[in-house]
C-alpha cells in the first residue's frame, strides 16, 4: 500500500518535474557549463573548457567583492527594516477599527506595482534637478542644496534601500498579518485578566507564536534580496561602485560580452542562495525536532 502511494505520487509529480527540468533545469545546467568555458558573445567559435579559470578571475576581481558587500548590506538593512515596519503595520491592521478593510487594501498598493516601474518612479523623485525629494528637503531646511542621490555610492545605497522598503514592506505585512489572524483570542483574554501590559503580551505571547511564519517571511525576503537586480540597475545606471551581484553578472555577460565570467558570477550567486536555503532548512528541521511533543 505504501509503495503504491509513493508510485502514484511520483506519477502525479512527473509532469511538473518534466516542465521544471525543461524551463529551469536546462538553463541552469547551461549556465554551469558556460562557467567552465571561455564562451564569449563576441566570438562565434565553439567555447573551450578552461576549468576553474573564470571562478578564479571573478574571485580576484575587486568589483565582485564590492558587489558582494553592496548586496549583503542591502539585504541586511532592507530585510531588517521591512520586518520591523511590517510587524508594526500588521499589528495595527490586526486591531478592529473603522475603515480597516480599505486600509488593508491600500497598504498592498506599493507591492502590486512592478519593481521596474517603482524604481523608475523613485528615480525621478530622487533626481537632483527636478526631484520632489530634494524639493521637500530644501523646503524643510534639512539640506542647503540639491543632492545627487543616485550618483554618490553611499547615498545611492540609501535610496535603493528606501525604495525597496517602501515596495516590499507590504509583503512582510501580509505574511505577518496572516499569522496574527490565526492566533487564539483566548490567550489575549487570559493575559488581559492577568494584568499583562501590551509590551509584555507582544514579547511573551504574540512573538513566540508567530516565530515560525515570521522566519519563513524573513528567509523569503533574504533569498529575494540576495538576487536583487532591477532596483540597482535602474537607479544607479550600472555603476561599478554601487552594483549588486546580479548586476555584476549581467555586466560581464552583456556589456563585456564575456559569457564565461558572467556565468561564473551567476553560479556563485546561485551557490550562495542555495547555501542559505540549505542552512535554513537544516535549522528549521532541528527546531522542529527540539520542540516538545
Protein backbone atom coordinates (compact mmCIF):
# COMPACT_ATOMS: atom_id res chain seq x y z
CA UNK A 1 0.00 0.00 0.00
CA UNK A 2 2.81 2.42 0.91
CA UNK A 3 4.72 1.62 -2.30
CA UNK A 4 1.62 2.18 -4.40
CA UNK A 5 1.04 5.56 -2.79
CA UNK A 6 4.63 6.59 -3.39
CA UNK A 7 4.44 5.40 -7.01
CA UNK A 8 1.19 7.28 -7.53
CA UNK A 9 2.68 10.43 -6.01
CA UNK A 10 5.66 10.28 -8.39
CA UNK A 11 3.32 9.75 -11.35
CA UNK A 12 1.33 12.84 -10.42
CA UNK A 13 4.53 14.84 -9.93
CA UNK A 14 6.15 13.65 -13.15
CA UNK A 15 4.57 16.28 -15.49
CA UNK A 16 5.57 19.08 -13.13
CA UNK A 17 9.11 17.73 -12.81
CA UNK A 18 9.44 17.49 -16.60
CA UNK A 19 8.29 21.09 -17.04
CA UNK A 20 10.68 22.29 -14.31
CA UNK A 21 13.56 20.38 -15.88
CA UNK A 22 12.86 21.99 -19.25
CA UNK A 23 12.18 25.51 -18.01
CA UNK A 24 14.66 25.78 -15.12
CA UNK A 25 16.96 22.77 -15.13
CA UNK A 26 18.33 23.05 -18.66
CA UNK A 27 19.16 26.82 -18.50
CA UNK A 28 20.77 26.24 -15.10
CA UNK A 29 22.88 23.40 -16.45
CA UNK A 30 23.96 25.54 -19.42
CA UNK A 31 24.96 28.36 -17.08
CA UNK A 32 27.13 25.99 -15.06
CA UNK A 33 28.69 24.67 -18.27
CA UNK A 34 29.49 28.13 -19.63
CA UNK A 35 31.12 28.99 -16.29
CA UNK A 36 33.84 26.43 -17.08
CA UNK A 37 34.44 27.65 -20.64
CA UNK A 38 35.81 30.71 -22.41
CA UNK A 39 32.46 31.41 -24.07
CA UNK A 40 32.11 34.93 -25.44
CA UNK A 41 29.25 36.74 -27.14
CA UNK A 42 31.78 38.46 -29.40
CA UNK A 43 33.33 35.19 -30.60
CA UNK A 44 31.09 32.80 -32.55
CA UNK A 45 33.63 29.97 -32.23
CA UNK A 46 32.66 26.99 -30.05
CA UNK A 47 33.69 27.59 -26.41
CA UNK A 48 36.62 25.69 -24.95
CA UNK A 49 36.83 24.17 -21.49
CA UNK A 50 39.05 26.27 -19.16
CA UNK A 51 38.29 24.66 -15.80
CA UNK A 52 38.12 26.93 -12.77
CA UNK A 53 39.78 29.88 -14.52
CA UNK A 54 36.62 32.01 -14.64
CA UNK A 55 35.87 31.43 -10.96
CA UNK A 56 39.44 32.40 -10.03
CA UNK A 57 39.12 35.58 -12.10
CA UNK A 58 35.82 36.52 -10.51
CA UNK A 59 37.16 35.68 -7.05
CA UNK A 60 40.09 38.05 -7.55
CA UNK A 61 38.06 40.92 -9.02
CA UNK A 62 37.61 43.86 -6.59
CA UNK A 63 34.36 44.79 -8.37
CA UNK A 64 32.93 41.37 -7.49
CA UNK A 65 33.69 41.78 -3.80
CA UNK A 66 32.30 45.30 -3.91
CA UNK A 67 29.08 43.90 -5.37
CA UNK A 68 29.03 41.21 -2.65
CA UNK A 69 29.38 43.88 0.03
CA UNK A 70 26.65 46.00 -1.54
CA UNK A 71 24.30 43.03 -1.81
CA UNK A 72 24.81 41.91 1.79
CA UNK A 73 24.47 45.47 3.09
CA UNK A 74 21.28 45.93 1.10
CA UNK A 75 19.90 42.58 2.26
CA UNK A 76 20.67 43.08 5.95
CA UNK A 77 19.35 46.63 6.25
CA UNK A 78 16.32 46.30 4.00
CA UNK A 79 15.08 42.99 5.40
CA UNK A 80 15.51 44.25 8.97
CA UNK A 81 13.58 47.45 8.30
CA UNK A 82 10.88 45.60 6.37
CA UNK A 83 10.43 43.08 9.19
CA UNK A 84 10.14 45.76 11.88
CA UNK A 85 7.84 48.01 9.86
CA UNK A 86 5.84 45.03 8.61
CA UNK A 87 5.28 43.88 12.18
CA UNK A 88 4.15 47.35 13.30
CA UNK A 89 1.74 47.70 10.38
CA UNK A 90 0.47 44.12 10.78
CA UNK A 91 -0.25 44.69 14.47
CA UNK A 92 -2.09 47.89 13.59
CA UNK A 93 -4.16 46.25 10.87
CA UNK A 94 -4.95 43.33 13.17
CA UNK A 95 -6.90 45.59 15.52
CA UNK A 96 -10.55 46.44 14.90
CA UNK A 97 -11.28 49.97 13.69
CA UNK A 98 -13.46 51.64 11.09
CA UNK A 99 -12.06 51.52 7.57
CA UNK A 100 -9.68 48.65 8.30
CA UNK A 101 -10.56 46.77 5.10
CA UNK A 102 -9.84 49.82 2.93
CA UNK A 103 -6.54 50.44 4.69
CA UNK A 104 -5.51 46.79 4.25
CA UNK A 105 -6.09 47.08 0.52
CA UNK A 106 -4.26 50.41 0.31
CA UNK A 107 -1.19 49.01 2.08
CA UNK A 108 -0.74 46.45 -0.70
CA UNK A 109 -0.57 49.04 -3.49
CA UNK A 110 3.24 49.53 -3.41
CA UNK A 111 3.78 45.78 -3.56
CA UNK A 112 1.44 45.47 -6.56
CA UNK A 113 3.45 47.96 -8.62
CA UNK A 114 6.15 46.27 -10.78
CA UNK A 115 9.62 46.79 -9.38
CA UNK A 116 10.99 48.43 -12.54
CA UNK A 117 8.11 50.91 -12.53
CA UNK A 118 8.71 51.68 -8.85
CA UNK A 119 12.44 52.14 -9.43
CA UNK A 120 11.86 54.46 -12.38
CA UNK A 121 9.27 56.48 -10.45
CA UNK A 122 11.57 56.88 -7.45
CA UNK A 123 14.48 57.66 -9.77
CA UNK A 124 12.59 60.73 -10.96
CA UNK A 125 11.73 61.64 -7.38
CA UNK A 126 15.41 61.39 -6.34
CA UNK A 127 16.63 63.48 -9.29
CA UNK A 128 18.94 66.27 -8.16
CA UNK A 129 17.47 68.89 -10.54
CA UNK A 130 13.70 68.36 -10.56
CA UNK A 131 13.16 65.62 -7.97
CA UNK A 132 10.47 66.07 -5.35
CA UNK A 133 12.66 64.58 -2.59
CA UNK A 134 15.22 67.38 -2.85
CA UNK A 135 12.43 69.95 -3.11
CA UNK A 136 10.84 68.71 0.11
CA UNK A 137 14.17 68.61 1.98
CA UNK A 138 15.09 72.10 0.73
CA UNK A 139 11.72 73.49 1.77
CA UNK A 140 12.08 71.96 5.23
CA UNK A 141 15.62 73.31 5.60
CA UNK A 142 17.28 69.93 6.05
CA UNK A 143 19.70 70.47 3.15
CA UNK A 144 21.29 73.58 1.69
CA UNK A 145 21.47 72.39 -1.91
CA UNK A 146 20.24 69.64 -4.23
CA UNK A 147 21.72 66.17 -3.64
CA UNK A 148 22.53 63.67 -6.39
CA UNK A 149 21.07 60.69 -4.55
CA UNK A 150 21.64 58.05 -7.22
CA UNK A 151 25.15 59.17 -8.23
CA UNK A 152 27.03 59.09 -4.94
CA UNK A 153 27.74 55.42 -3.99
CA UNK A 154 26.81 55.86 -0.33
CA UNK A 155 23.69 57.93 -0.96
CA UNK A 156 22.60 55.62 -3.77
CA UNK A 157 22.54 52.71 -1.33
CA UNK A 158 20.31 54.76 0.97
CA UNK A 159 18.00 55.49 -1.95
CA UNK A 160 17.88 51.84 -3.07
CA UNK A 161 17.11 50.61 0.44
CA UNK A 162 14.40 53.26 0.86
CA UNK A 163 12.71 52.22 -2.39
CA UNK A 164 12.90 48.52 -1.51
CA UNK A 165 11.50 49.12 1.98
CA UNK A 166 8.64 51.16 0.52
CA UNK A 167 7.79 48.46 -2.00
CA UNK A 168 8.35 45.23 -0.05
CA UNK A 169 7.17 46.11 3.46
CA UNK A 170 3.58 45.28 2.37
CA UNK A 171 4.77 41.73 1.55
CA UNK A 172 6.08 41.27 5.09
CA UNK A 173 2.93 42.90 6.45
CA UNK A 174 0.71 40.48 4.53
CA UNK A 175 2.54 37.38 5.79
CA UNK A 176 2.74 38.60 9.37
CA UNK A 177 -0.90 39.69 9.37
CA UNK A 178 -1.93 36.23 8.16
CA UNK A 179 -0.03 34.72 11.09
CA UNK A 180 -1.64 37.12 13.56
CA UNK A 181 -5.11 36.30 12.27
CA UNK A 182 -4.88 32.65 13.37
CA UNK A 183 -3.78 33.34 16.95
CA UNK A 184 -6.43 32.31 19.50
CA UNK A 185 -8.20 35.19 21.22
CA UNK A 186 -8.38 33.21 24.48
CA UNK A 187 -4.68 33.76 25.13
CA UNK A 188 -5.05 37.53 24.94
CA UNK A 189 -8.14 37.49 27.12
CA UNK A 190 -6.27 35.46 29.74
CA UNK A 191 -3.29 37.83 29.56
CA UNK A 192 -5.62 40.81 30.00
CA UNK A 193 -7.17 39.22 33.06
CA UNK A 194 -3.70 38.62 34.50
CA UNK A 195 -2.89 42.32 34.07
CA UNK A 196 -0.23 41.95 31.36
CA UNK A 197 0.62 45.18 29.53
CA UNK A 198 0.72 45.30 25.68
CA UNK A 199 4.52 45.12 25.53
CA UNK A 200 4.59 42.01 27.70
CA UNK A 201 1.78 40.45 25.66
CA UNK A 202 3.72 41.03 22.44
CA UNK A 203 7.02 39.55 23.65
CA UNK A 204 5.54 36.73 25.75
CA UNK A 205 2.60 35.64 23.56
CA UNK A 206 2.50 37.14 20.08
CA UNK A 207 6.15 36.94 19.07
CA UNK A 208 6.77 33.33 20.19
CA UNK A 209 3.57 32.12 18.48
CA UNK A 210 4.35 33.73 15.10
CA UNK A 211 8.08 32.96 15.16
CA UNK A 212 7.71 30.21 12.56
CA UNK A 213 5.75 32.22 9.97
CA UNK A 214 7.97 35.24 10.62
CA UNK A 215 11.12 33.21 9.93
CA UNK A 216 9.57 31.92 6.69
CA UNK A 217 8.81 35.50 5.64
CA UNK A 218 12.34 36.62 6.52
CA UNK A 219 14.03 33.80 4.60
CA UNK A 220 11.85 34.53 1.56
CA UNK A 221 12.90 38.15 1.67
CA UNK A 222 16.57 37.31 2.23
CA UNK A 223 16.64 34.98 -0.77
CA UNK A 224 14.83 37.56 -2.89
CA UNK A 225 17.11 40.39 -1.75
CA UNK A 226 20.31 38.44 -2.47
CA UNK A 227 19.39 38.19 -6.15
CA UNK A 228 18.23 41.81 -6.47
CA UNK A 229 18.87 43.26 -9.91
CA UNK A 230 16.26 45.74 -11.11
CA UNK A 231 16.50 48.31 -8.32
CA UNK A 232 20.28 48.58 -8.59
CA UNK A 233 20.28 48.58 -12.37
CA UNK A 234 17.57 51.22 -12.82
CA UNK A 235 18.54 53.58 -10.01
CA UNK A 236 22.36 53.55 -10.26
CA UNK A 237 22.81 53.30 -14.05
CA UNK A 238 25.03 50.21 -13.73
CA UNK A 239 27.68 51.98 -11.67
CA UNK A 240 30.57 49.71 -10.64
CA UNK A 241 30.65 51.36 -7.20
CA UNK A 242 27.06 50.50 -6.36
CA UNK A 243 26.16 47.31 -8.20
CA UNK A 244 24.74 44.07 -6.84
CA UNK A 245 25.99 40.57 -7.60
CA UNK A 246 23.27 40.07 -10.20
CA UNK A 247 24.16 43.37 -11.89
CA UNK A 248 27.83 42.33 -11.89
CA UNK A 249 26.97 39.04 -13.63
CA UNK A 250 24.87 40.89 -16.19
CA UNK A 251 27.67 43.39 -16.84
CA UNK A 252 30.21 40.64 -17.52
CA UNK A 253 27.81 38.81 -19.85
CA UNK A 254 26.33 41.57 -21.97
CA UNK A 255 28.49 44.70 -21.65
CA UNK A 256 31.88 42.99 -21.60
CA UNK A 257 30.46 40.08 -23.66
CA UNK A 258 32.37 37.58 -21.52
CA UNK A 259 29.77 34.86 -21.14
CA UNK A 260 32.11 32.60 -19.18
CA UNK A 261 32.84 35.17 -16.47
CA UNK A 262 29.20 36.19 -16.26
CA UNK A 263 28.13 32.57 -15.91
CA UNK A 264 30.73 32.03 -13.19
CA UNK A 265 29.43 35.05 -11.25
CA UNK A 266 25.84 33.83 -11.68
CA UNK A 267 26.88 30.36 -10.50
CA UNK A 268 28.48 31.83 -7.38
CA UNK A 269 25.29 33.78 -6.69
CA UNK A 270 23.22 30.62 -7.16
CA UNK A 271 25.53 28.72 -4.81
CA UNK A 272 25.19 31.41 -2.17
CA UNK A 273 21.39 31.36 -2.34
CA UNK A 274 21.38 27.55 -2.28
CA UNK A 275 23.63 27.61 0.80
CA UNK A 276 21.24 29.94 2.65
CA UNK A 277 18.33 27.70 1.72
CA UNK A 278 20.06 24.54 2.94
CA UNK A 279 21.09 26.19 6.21
CA UNK A 280 17.54 27.43 6.80
CA UNK A 281 16.04 24.01 6.12
CA UNK A 282 18.57 22.37 8.47
CA UNK A 283 17.92 24.89 11.24
CA UNK A 284 14.15 24.59 10.76
CA UNK A 285 14.37 20.79 10.96
CA UNK A 286 16.41 20.97 14.17
CA UNK A 287 13.96 23.50 15.64
CA UNK A 288 11.00 21.23 14.91
CA UNK A 289 12.83 18.21 16.30
CA UNK A 290 13.61 20.02 19.57
CA UNK A 291 10.02 21.17 20.15
CA UNK A 292 8.24 19.20 22.87
CA UNK A 293 5.59 16.78 21.71
